[in-house]
Amino acid sequence: MRKILGISLALAAMSGCAGDPGLPSTSSTQGTTVVRNAMVIGVEMPPSADAIARLQLRYDNGSVATEEVMTTEVFKVGDKVRVTHSRGTARIERLD
């Protein structure tokens, strides 16, 4: 009898936590930091040091993306880099 009561209470609690399926779910990436390695496959460096560089990257998982960053570092095709995304900004640094 106790086992049945325990199972019933557990099922009731789980169904109450499921929420209303009609409500949209939300998520947040605030405070999340994502670090991935990539290889530079294309470069558009700015003419001046205070402009944005555009780098085309192929990540280790095979996906391709373009990142725009403010940098004084000069990148070239074939460079291996570490891309850190944090709070809506990207930082790219060359791996030695």
PDB file of N, CA and C in Angstrom:
ATOM      1  N   MET A   1       0.820  -1.195   0.000  1.00  0.00           N
ATOM      2  CA  MET A   1       0.000   0.000   0.000  1.00  0.00           C
ATOM      3  C   MET A   1       0.867   1.262   0.000  1.00  0.00           C
ATOM      4  N   ARG A   2       1.929   1.249   0.813  1.00  0.00           N
ATOM      5  CA  ARG A   2       2.829   2.410   0.852  1.00  0.00           C
ATOM      6  C   ARG A   2       3.494   2.633  -0.499  1.00  0.00           C
ATOM      7  N   LYS A   3       3.831   1.528  -1.171  1.00  0.00           N
ATOM      8  CA  LYS A   3       4.482   1.634  -2.473  1.00  0.00           C
ATOM      9  C   LYS A   3       3.553   2.309  -3.486  1.00  0.00           C
ATOM     10  N   ILE A   4       2.286   1.906  -3.472  1.00  0.00           N
ATOM     11  CA  ILE A   4       1.317   2.489  -4.401  1.00  0.00           C
ATOM     12  C   ILE A   4       1.111   3.960  -4.091  1.00  0.00           C
ATOM     13  N   LEU A   5       1.024   4.310  -2.817  1.00  0.00           N
ATOM     14  CA  LEU A   5       0.854   5.699  -2.417  1.00  0.00           C
ATOM     15  C   LEU A   5       2.058   6.534  -2.853  1.00  0.00           C
ATOM     16  N   GLY A   6       3.278   5.988  -2.662  1.00  0.00           N
ATOM     17  CA  GLY A   6       4.501   6.694  -3.055  1.00  0.00           C
ATOM     18  C   GLY A   6       4.564   6.927  -4.554  1.00  0.00           C
ATOM     19  N   ILE A   7       4.181   5.901  -5.323  1.00  0.00           N
ATOM     20  CA  ILE A   7       4.189   6.025  -6.781  1.00  0.00           C
ATOM     21  C   ILE A   7       3.150   7.040  -7.226  1.00  0.00           C
ATOM     22  N   SER A   8       1.981   7.010  -6.608  1.00  0.00           N
ATOM     23  CA  SER A   8       0.918   7.953  -6.965  1.00  0.00           C
ATOM     24  C   SER A   8       1.345   9.389  -6.693  1.00  0.00           C
ATOM     25  N   LEU A   9       1.973   9.605  -5.534  1.00  0.00           N
ATOM     26  CA  LEU A   9       2.447  10.951  -5.204  1.00  0.00           C
ATOM     27  C   LEU A   9       3.528  11.414  -6.176  1.00  0.00           C
ATOM     28  N   ALA A  10       4.421  10.508  -6.549  1.00  0.00           N
ATOM     29  CA  ALA A  10       5.492  10.858  -7.481  1.00  0.00           C
ATOM     30  C   ALA A  10       4.916  11.220  -8.841  1.00  0.00           C
ATOM     31  N   LEU A  11       3.952  10.452  -9.322  1.00  0.00           N
ATOM     32  CA  LEU A  11       3.331  10.748 -10.613  1.00  0.00           C
ATOM     33  C   LEU A  11       2.576  12.066 -10.583  1.00  0.00           C
ATOM     34  N   ALA A  12       1.888  12.335  -9.479  1.00  0.00           N
ATOM     35  CA  ALA A  12       1.154  13.593  -9.350  1.00  0.00           C
ATOM     36  C   ALA A  12       2.118  14.779  -9.353  1.00  0.00           C
ATOM     37  N   ALA A  13       3.244  14.626  -8.680  1.00  0.00           N
ATOM     38  CA  ALA A  13       4.231  15.708  -8.631  1.00  0.00           C
ATOM     39  C   ALA A  13       4.844  15.945 -10.010  1.00  0.00           C
ATOM     40  N   MET A  14       5.135  14.876 -10.729  1.00  0.00           N
ATOM     41  CA  MET A  14       5.735  15.014 -12.056  1.00  0.00           C
ATOM     42  C   MET A  14       4.763  15.654 -13.038  1.00  0.00           C
ATOM     43  N   SER A  15       3.496  15.292 -12.968  1.00  0.00           N
ATOM     44  CA  SER A  15       2.537  15.877 -13.901  1.00  0.00           C
ATOM     45  C   SER A  15       2.303  17.352 -13.577  1.00  0.00           C
ATOM     46  N   GLY A  16       2.432  17.734 -12.337  1.00  0.00           N
ATOM     47  CA  GLY A  16       2.279  19.134 -11.949  1.00  0.00           C
ATOM     48  C   GLY A  16       3.456  19.974 -12.403  1.00  0.00           C
ATOM     49  N   CYS A  17       4.637  19.376 -12.555  1.00  0.00           N
ATOM     50  CA  CYS A  17       5.833  20.111 -12.972  1.00  0.00           C
ATOM     51  C   CYS A  17       5.930  20.247 -14.484  1.00  0.00           C
ATOM     52  N   ALA A  18       5.111  19.509 -15.187  1.00  0.00           N
ATOM     53  CA  ALA A  18       5.212  19.520 -16.647  1.00  0.00           C
ATOM     54  C   ALA A  18       4.865  20.880 -17.222  1.00  0.00           C
ATOM     55  N   GLY A  19       4.009  21.633 -16.563  1.00  0.00           N
ATOM     56  CA  GLY A  19       3.646  22.964 -17.050  1.00  0.00           C
ATOM     57  C   GLY A  19       2.596  22.901 -18.136  1.00  0.00           C
ATOM     58  N   ASP A  20       2.180  24.061 -18.558  1.00  0.00           N
ATOM     59  CA  ASP A  20       1.165  24.175 -19.585  1.00  0.00           C
ATOM     60  C   ASP A  20       1.831  24.032 -20.947  1.00  0.00           C
ATOM     61  N   PRO A  21       1.468  23.004 -21.728  1.00  0.00           N
ATOM     62  CA  PRO A  21       2.114  22.823 -23.023  1.00  0.00           C
ATOM     63  C   PRO A  21       1.793  23.941 -24.009  1.00  0.00           C
ATOM     64  N   GLY A  22       0.785  24.752 -23.719  1.00  0.00           N
ATOM     65  CA  GLY A  22       0.432  25.844 -24.606  1.00  0.00           C
ATOM     66  C   GLY A  22       1.325  27.067 -24.444  1.00  0.00           C
ATOM     67  N   LEU A  23       2.096  27.134 -23.364  1.00  0.00           N
ATOM     68  CA  LEU A  23       2.967  28.282 -23.124  1.00  0.00           C
ATOM     69  C   LEU A  23       4.294  28.092 -23.855  1.00  0.00           C
ATOM     70  N   PRO A  24       4.827  29.147 -24.461  1.00  0.00           N
ATOM     71  CA  PRO A  24       6.121  29.016 -25.133  1.00  0.00           C
ATOM     72  C   PRO A  24       7.234  28.875 -24.100  1.00  0.00           C
ATOM     73  N   SER A  25       8.244  28.085 -24.452  1.00  0.00           N
ATOM     74  CA  SER A  25       9.379  27.943 -23.550  1.00  0.00           C
ATOM     75  C   SER A  25      10.381  29.049 -23.834  1.00  0.00           C
ATOM     76  N   THR A  26      11.129  29.422 -22.833  1.00  0.00           N
ATOM     77  CA  THR A  26      12.151  30.442 -23.008  1.00  0.00           C
ATOM     78  C   THR A  26      13.469  29.901 -22.500  1.00  0.00           C
ATOM     79  N   SER A  27      14.545  30.444 -23.022  1.00  0.00           N
ATOM     80  CA  SER A  27      15.864  30.068 -22.545  1.00  0.00           C
ATOM     81  C   SER A  27      16.730  31.310 -22.541  1.00  0.00           C
ATOM     82  N   SER A  28      17.825  31.227 -21.826  1.00  0.00           N
ATOM     83  CA  SER A  28      18.721  32.360 -21.732  1.00  0.00           C
ATOM     84  C   SER A  28      20.153  31.882 -21.840  1.00  0.00           C
ATOM     85  N   THR A  29      20.976  32.643 -22.514  1.00  0.00           N
ATOM     86  CA  THR A  29      22.401  32.340 -22.583  1.00  0.00           C
ATOM     87  C   THR A  29      23.207  33.369 -21.801  1.00  0.00           C
ATOM     88  N   GLN A  30      22.525  34.139 -20.978  1.00  0.00           N
ATOM     89  CA  GLN A  30      23.215  35.155 -20.202  1.00  0.00           C
ATOM     90  C   GLN A  30      24.229  34.478 -19.281  1.00  0.00           C
ATOM     91  N   GLY A  31      25.456  34.921 -19.351  1.00  0.00           N
ATOM     92  CA  GLY A  31      26.487  34.358 -18.490  1.00  0.00           C
ATOM     93  C   GLY A  31      27.137  33.106 -19.054  1.00  0.00           C
ATOM     94  N   THR A  32      26.715  32.642 -20.228  1.00  0.00           N
ATOM     95  CA  THR A  32      27.269  31.444 -20.825  1.00  0.00           C
ATOM     96  C   THR A  32      28.512  31.800 -21.625  1.00  0.00           C
ATOM     97  N   THR A  33      29.543  30.987 -21.499  1.00  0.00           N
ATOM     98  CA  THR A  33      30.750  31.150 -22.290  1.00  0.00           C
ATOM     99  C   THR A  33      30.962  29.879 -23.100  1.00  0.00           C
ATOM    100  N   VAL A  34      31.134  30.026 -24.421  1.00  0.00           N
ATOM    101  CA  VAL A  34      31.362  28.891 -25.300  1.00  0.00           C
ATOM    102  C   VAL A  34      32.733  29.069 -25.935  1.00  0.00           C
ATOM    103  N   VAL A  35      33.560  28.033 -25.834  1.00  0.00           N
ATOM    104  CA  VAL A  35      34.909  28.072 -26.399  1.00  0.00           C
ATOM    105  C   VAL A  35      35.030  26.937 -27.408  1.00  0.00           C
ATOM    106  N   ARG A  36      35.423  27.284 -28.653  1.00  0.00           N
ATOM    107  CA  ARG A  36      35.592  26.264 -29.693  1.00  0.00           C
ATOM    108  C   ARG A  36      36.859  26.558 -30.490  1.00  0.00           C
ATOM    109  N   ASN A  37      37.432  25.510 -31.058  1.00  0.00           N
ATOM    110  CA  ASN A  37      38.604  25.657 -31.913  1.00  0.00           C
ATOM    111  C   ASN A  37      38.172  25.646 -33.369  1.00  0.00           C
ATOM    112  N   ALA A  38      38.910  26.386 -34.208  1.00  0.00           N
ATOM    113  CA  ALA A  38      38.569  26.492 -35.622  1.00  0.00           C
ATOM    114  C   ALA A  38      39.822  26.756 -36.436  1.00  0.00           C
ATOM    115  N   MET A  39      39.656  26.689 -37.763  1.00  0.00           N
ATOM    116  CA  MET A  39      40.719  27.055 -38.687  1.00  0.00           C
ATOM    117  C   MET A  39      40.202  28.201 -39.549  1.00  0.00           C
ATOM    118  N   VAL A  40      41.052  29.202 -39.775  1.00  0.00           N
ATOM    119  CA  VAL A  40      40.686  30.342 -40.609  1.00  0.00           C
ATOM    120  C   VAL A  40      40.701  29.884 -42.069  1.00  0.00           C
ATOM    121  N   ILE A  41      39.570  30.084 -42.781  1.00  0.00           N
ATOM    122  CA  ILE A  41      39.486  29.714 -44.195  1.00  0.00           C
ATOM    123  C   ILE A  41      39.286  30.933 -45.097  1.00  0.00           C
ATOM    124  N   GLY A  42      39.103  32.091 -44.498  1.00  0.00           N
ATOM    125  CA  GLY A  42      38.980  33.332 -45.260  1.00  0.00           C
ATOM    126  C   GLY A  42      39.197  34.523 -44.352  1.00  0.00           C
ATOM    127  N   VAL A  43      39.796  35.589 -44.882  1.00  0.00           N
ATOM    128  CA  VAL A  43      40.120  36.759 -44.068  1.00  0.00           C
ATOM    129  C   VAL A  43      39.785  38.037 -44.830  1.00  0.00           C
ATOM    130  N   GLU A  44      39.116  38.957 -44.146  1.00  0.00           N
ATOM    131  CA  GLU A  44      38.934  40.332 -44.635  1.00  0.00           C
ATOM    132  C   GLU A  44      39.405  41.234 -43.513  1.00  0.00           C
ATOM    133  N   MET A  45      40.657  41.655 -43.589  1.00  0.00           N
ATOM    134  CA  MET A  45      41.222  42.522 -42.552  1.00  0.00           C
ATOM    135  C   MET A  45      40.890  43.971 -42.892  1.00  0.00           C
ATOM    136  N   PRO A  46      40.617  44.779 -41.882  1.00  0.00           N
ATOM    137  CA  PRO A  46      40.274  46.182 -42.111  1.00  0.00           C
ATOM    138  C   PRO A  46      41.500  46.986 -42.535  1.00  0.00           C
ATOM    139  N   PRO A  47      41.267  48.087 -43.253  1.00  0.00           N
ATOM    140  CA  PRO A  47      42.400  48.932 -43.667  1.00  0.00           C
ATOM    141  C   PRO A  47      43.041  49.681 -42.505  1.00  0.00           C
ATOM    142  N   SER A  48      42.285  49.878 -41.422  1.00  0.00           N
ATOM    143  CA  SER A  48      42.856  50.570 -40.265  1.00  0.00           C
ATOM    144  C   SER A  48      42.694  49.697 -39.024  1.00  0.00           C
ATOM    145  N   ALA A  49      43.474  49.995 -38.010  1.00  0.00           N
ATOM    146  CA  ALA A  49      43.499  49.164 -36.801  1.00  0.00           C
ATOM    147  C   ALA A  49      42.228  49.265 -35.960  1.00  0.00           C
ATOM    148  N   ASP A  50      41.420  50.306 -36.175  1.00  0.00           N
ATOM    149  CA  ASP A  50      40.238  50.472 -35.331  1.00  0.00           C
ATOM    150  C   ASP A  50      38.950  49.989 -36.010  1.00  0.00           C
ATOM    151  N   ALA A  51      39.076  49.174 -37.065  1.00  0.00           N
ATOM    152  CA  ALA A  51      37.906  48.657 -37.770  1.00  0.00           C
ATOM    153  C   ALA A  51      37.712  47.176 -37.428  1.00  0.00           C
ATOM    154  N   ILE A  52      36.645  46.611 -37.961  1.00  0.00           N
ATOM    155  CA  ILE A  52      36.284  45.228 -37.636  1.00  0.00           C
ATOM    156  C   ILE A  52      36.845  44.281 -38.689  1.00  0.00           C
ATOM    157  N   ALA A  53      37.505  43.211 -38.223  1.00  0.00           N
ATOM    158  CA  ALA A  53      37.996  42.166 -39.113  1.00  0.00           C
ATOM    159  C   ALA A  53      36.901  41.116 -39.276  1.00  0.00           C
ATOM    160  N   ARG A  54      36.791  40.577 -40.479  1.00  0.00           N
ATOM    161  CA  ARG A  54      35.809  39.523 -40.749  1.00  0.00           C
ATOM    162  C   ARG A  54      36.582  38.257 -41.092  1.00  0.00           C
ATOM    163  N   LEU A  55      36.387  37.217 -40.277  1.00  0.00           N
ATOM    164  CA  LEU A  55      37.080  35.947 -40.468  1.00  0.00           C
ATOM    165  C   LEU A  55      36.072  34.850 -40.785  1.00  0.00           C
ATOM    166  N   GLN A  56      36.370  34.080 -41.823  1.00  0.00           N
ATOM    167  CA  GLN A  56      35.570  32.901 -42.120  1.00  0.00           C
ATOM    168  C   GLN A  56      36.276  31.718 -41.466  1.00  0.00           C
ATOM    169  N   LEU A  57      35.511  30.962 -40.686  1.00  0.00           N
ATOM    170  CA  LEU A  57      36.087  29.890 -39.891  1.00  0.00           C
ATOM    171  C   LEU A  57      35.424  28.551 -40.179  1.00  0.00           C
ATOM    172  N   ARG A  58      36.223  27.485 -40.117  1.00  0.00           N
ATOM    173  CA  ARG A  58      35.684  26.129 -40.143  1.00  0.00           C
ATOM    174  C   ARG A  58      35.993  25.533 -38.770  1.00  0.00           C
ATOM    175  N   TYR A  59      34.919  25.303 -38.009  1.00  0.00           N
ATOM    176  CA  TYR A  59      35.072  24.747 -36.666  1.00  0.00           C
ATOM    177  C   TYR A  59      35.458  23.274 -36.731  1.00  0.00           C
ATOM    178  N   ASP A  60      35.961  22.754 -35.628  1.00  0.00           N
ATOM    179  CA  ASP A  60      36.392  21.361 -35.556  1.00  0.00           C
ATOM    180  C   ASP A  60      35.274  20.379 -35.897  1.00  0.00           C
ATOM    181  N   ASN A  61      34.021  20.770 -35.670  1.00  0.00           N
ATOM    182  CA  ASN A  61      32.903  19.867 -35.975  1.00  0.00           C
ATOM    183  C   ASN A  61      32.486  19.943 -37.442  1.00  0.00           C
ATOM    184  N   GLY A  62      33.178  20.768 -38.249  1.00  0.00           N
ATOM    185  CA  GLY A  62      32.899  20.873 -39.672  1.00  0.00           C
ATOM    186  C   GLY A  62      32.014  22.038 -40.062  1.00  0.00           C
ATOM    187  N   SER A  63      31.369  22.684 -39.101  1.00  0.00           N
ATOM    188  CA  SER A  63      30.502  23.817 -39.428  1.00  0.00           C
ATOM    189  C   SER A  63      31.347  25.027 -39.816  1.00  0.00           C
ATOM    190  N   VAL A  64      30.761  25.897 -40.642  1.00  0.00           N
ATOM    191  CA  VAL A  64      31.448  27.084 -41.141  1.00  0.00           C
ATOM    192  C   VAL A  64      30.683  28.314 -40.673  1.00  0.00           C
ATOM    193  N   ALA A  65      31.416  29.346 -40.257  1.00  0.00           N
ATOM    194  CA  ALA A  65      30.782  30.580 -39.791  1.00  0.00           C
ATOM    195  C   ALA A  65      31.690  31.763 -40.096  1.00  0.00           C
ATOM    196  N   THR A  66      31.087  32.938 -40.123  1.00  0.00           N
ATOM    197  CA  THR A  66      31.838  34.183 -40.269  1.00  0.00           C
ATOM    198  C   THR A  66      31.738  34.938 -38.955  1.00  0.00           C
ATOM    199  N   GLU A  67      32.874  35.322 -38.414  1.00  0.00           N
ATOM    200  CA  GLU A  67      32.919  36.075 -37.163  1.00  0.00           C
ATOM    201  C   GLU A  67      33.503  37.444 -37.442  1.00  0.00           C
ATOM    202  N   GLU A  68      32.910  38.469 -36.855  1.00  0.00           N
ATOM    203  CA  GLU A  68      33.424  39.831 -36.953  1.00  0.00           C
ATOM    204  C   GLU A  68      33.968  40.227 -35.593  1.00  0.00           C
ATOM    205  N   VAL A  69      35.237  40.638 -35.571  1.00  0.00           N
ATOM    206  CA  VAL A  69      35.887  40.980 -34.307  1.00  0.00           C
ATOM    207  C   VAL A  69      36.753  42.222 -34.473  1.00  0.00           C
ATOM    208  N   MET A  70      36.863  42.971 -33.378  1.00  0.00           N
ATOM    209  CA  MET A  70      37.820  44.072 -33.307  1.00  0.00           C
ATOM    210  C   MET A  70      39.133  43.448 -32.833  1.00  0.00           C
ATOM    211  N   THR A  71      40.176  43.574 -33.624  1.00  0.00           N
ATOM    212  CA  THR A  71      41.448  42.960 -33.248  1.00  0.00           C
ATOM    213  C   THR A  71      42.609  43.728 -33.870  1.00  0.00           C
ATOM    214  N   THR A  72      43.722  43.685 -33.197  1.00  0.00           N
ATOM    215  CA  THR A  72      44.955  44.234 -33.751  1.00  0.00           C
ATOM    216  C   THR A  72      45.825  43.101 -34.301  1.00  0.00           C
ATOM    217  N   GLU A  73      45.439  41.871 -34.004  1.00  0.00           N
ATOM    218  CA  GLU A  73      46.171  40.702 -34.470  1.00  0.00           C
ATOM    219  C   GLU A  73      45.872  40.459 -35.948  1.00  0.00           C
ATOM    220  N   VAL A  74      46.874  40.049 -36.704  1.00  0.00           N
ATOM    221  CA  VAL A  74      46.706  39.771 -38.128  1.00  0.00           C
ATOM    222  C   VAL A  74      46.545  38.264 -38.299  1.00  0.00           C
ATOM    223  N   PHE A  75      45.467  37.870 -38.970  1.00  0.00           N
ATOM    224  CA  PHE A  75      45.198  36.453 -39.214  1.00  0.00           C
ATOM    225  C   PHE A  75      45.391  36.147 -40.686  1.00  0.00           C
ATOM    226  N   LYS A  76      45.746  34.889 -40.982  1.00  0.00           N
ATOM    227  CA  LYS A  76      45.869  34.450 -42.362  1.00  0.00           C
ATOM    228  C   LYS A  76      45.200  33.093 -42.521  1.00  0.00           C
ATOM    229  N   VAL A  77      44.862  32.755 -43.753  1.00  0.00           N
ATOM    230  CA  VAL A  77      44.219  31.481 -44.033  1.00  0.00           C
ATOM    231  C   VAL A  77      45.127  30.354 -43.541  1.00  0.00           C
ATOM    232  N   GLY A  78      44.532  29.399 -42.853  1.00  0.00           N
ATOM    233  CA  GLY A  78      45.280  28.259 -42.316  1.00  0.00           C
ATOM    234  C   GLY A  78      45.600  28.384 -40.841  1.00  0.00           C
ATOM    235  N   ASP A  79      45.449  29.586 -40.267  1.00  0.00           N
ATOM    236  CA  ASP A  79      45.697  29.759 -38.830  1.00  0.00           C
ATOM    237  C   ASP A  79      44.695  28.944 -38.018  1.00  0.00           C
ATOM    238  N   LYS A  80      45.194  28.299 -36.979  1.00  0.00           N
ATOM    239  CA  LYS A  80      44.312  27.622 -36.029  1.00  0.00           C
ATOM    240  C   LYS A  80      44.027  28.611 -34.909  1.00  0.00           C
ATOM    241  N   VAL A  81      42.741  28.731 -34.566  1.00  0.00           N
ATOM    242  CA  VAL A  81      42.322  29.740 -33.602  1.00  0.00           C
ATOM    243  C   VAL A  81      41.389  29.155 -32.550  1.00  0.00           C
ATOM    244  N   ARG A  82      41.293  29.867 -31.446  1.00  0.00           N
ATOM    245  CA  ARG A  82      40.317  29.557 -30.397  1.00  0.00           C
ATOM    246  C   ARG A  82      39.310  30.701 -30.391  1.00  0.00           C
ATOM    247  N   VAL A  83      38.025  30.348 -30.491  1.00  0.00           N
ATOM    248  CA  VAL A  83      36.945  31.334 -30.524  1.00  0.00           C
ATOM    249  C   VAL A  83      36.184  31.250 -29.214  1.00  0.00           C
ATOM    250  N   THR A  84      36.129  32.363 -28.496  1.00  0.00           N
ATOM    251  CA  THR A  84      35.415  32.417 -27.220  1.00  0.00           C
ATOM    252  C   THR A  84      34.236  33.364 -27.370  1.00  0.00           C
ATOM    253  N   HIS A  85      33.025  32.819 -27.213  1.00  0.00           N
ATOM    254  CA  HIS A  85      31.805  33.629 -27.237  1.00  0.00           C
ATOM    255  C   HIS A  85      31.351  33.819 -25.800  1.00  0.00           C
ATOM    256  N   SER A  86      31.199  35.056 -25.395  1.00  0.00           N
ATOM    257  CA  SER A  86      30.753  35.354 -24.038  1.00  0.00           C
ATOM    258  C   SER A  86      29.979  36.657 -24.042  1.00  0.00           C
ATOM    259  N   ARG A  87      28.779  36.607 -23.518  1.00  0.00           N
ATOM    260  CA  ARG A  87      27.922  37.792 -23.380  1.00  0.00           C
ATOM    261  C   ARG A  87      27.761  38.567 -24.685  1.00  0.00           C
ATOM    262  N   GLY A  88      27.538  37.843 -25.770  1.00  0.00           N
ATOM    263  CA  GLY A  88      27.253  38.478 -27.048  1.00  0.00           C
ATOM    264  C   GLY A  88      28.447  38.958 -27.837  1.00  0.00           C
ATOM    265  N   THR A  89      29.656  38.717 -27.355  1.00  0.00           N
ATOM    266  CA  THR A  89      30.844  39.127 -28.099  1.00  0.00           C
ATOM    267  C   THR A  89      31.728  37.917 -28.356  1.00  0.00           C
ATOM    268  N   ALA A  90      32.507  38.004 -29.409  1.00  0.00           N
ATOM    269  CA  ALA A  90      33.442  36.932 -29.766  1.00  0.00           C
ATOM    270  C   ALA A  90      34.857  37.446 -29.607  1.00  0.00           C
ATOM    271  N   ARG A  91      35.715  36.591 -29.081  1.00  0.00           N
ATOM    272  CA  ARG A  91      37.158  36.897 -29.010  1.00  0.00           C
ATOM    273  C   ARG A  91      37.871  35.763 -29.736  1.00  0.00           C
ATOM    274  N   ILE A  92      38.784  36.114 -30.626  1.00  0.00           N
ATOM    275  CA  ILE A  92      39.503  35.109 -31.395  1.00  0.00           C
ATOM    276  C   ILE A  92      40.987  35.285 -31.133  1.00  0.00           C
ATOM    277  N   GLU A  93      41.637  34.182 -30.798  1.00  0.00           N
ATOM    278  CA  GLU A  93      43.080  34.213 -30.569  1.00  0.00           C
ATOM    279  C   GLU A  93      43.745  33.059 -31.306  1.00  0.00           C
ATOM    280  N   ARG A  94      44.893  33.331 -31.858  1.00  0.00           N
ATOM    281  CA  ARG A  94      45.632  32.322 -32.595  1.00  0.00           C
ATOM    282  C   ARG A  94      46.208  31.289 -31.630  1.00  0.00           C
ATOM    283  N   LEU A  95      46.147  30.022 -32.041  1.00  0.00           N
ATOM    284  CA  LEU A  95      46.765  28.947 -31.273  1.00  0.00           C
ATOM    285  C   LEU A  95      48.160  28.718 -31.818  1.00  0.00           C
ATOM    286  N   ASP A  96      49.130  28.561 -30.967  1.00  0.00           N
ATOM    287  CA  ASP A  96      50.510  28.345 -31.421  1.00  0.00           C
ATOM    288  C   ASP A  96      50.791  26.893 -31.656  1.00  0.00           C
TER     289      ASP A  96
END
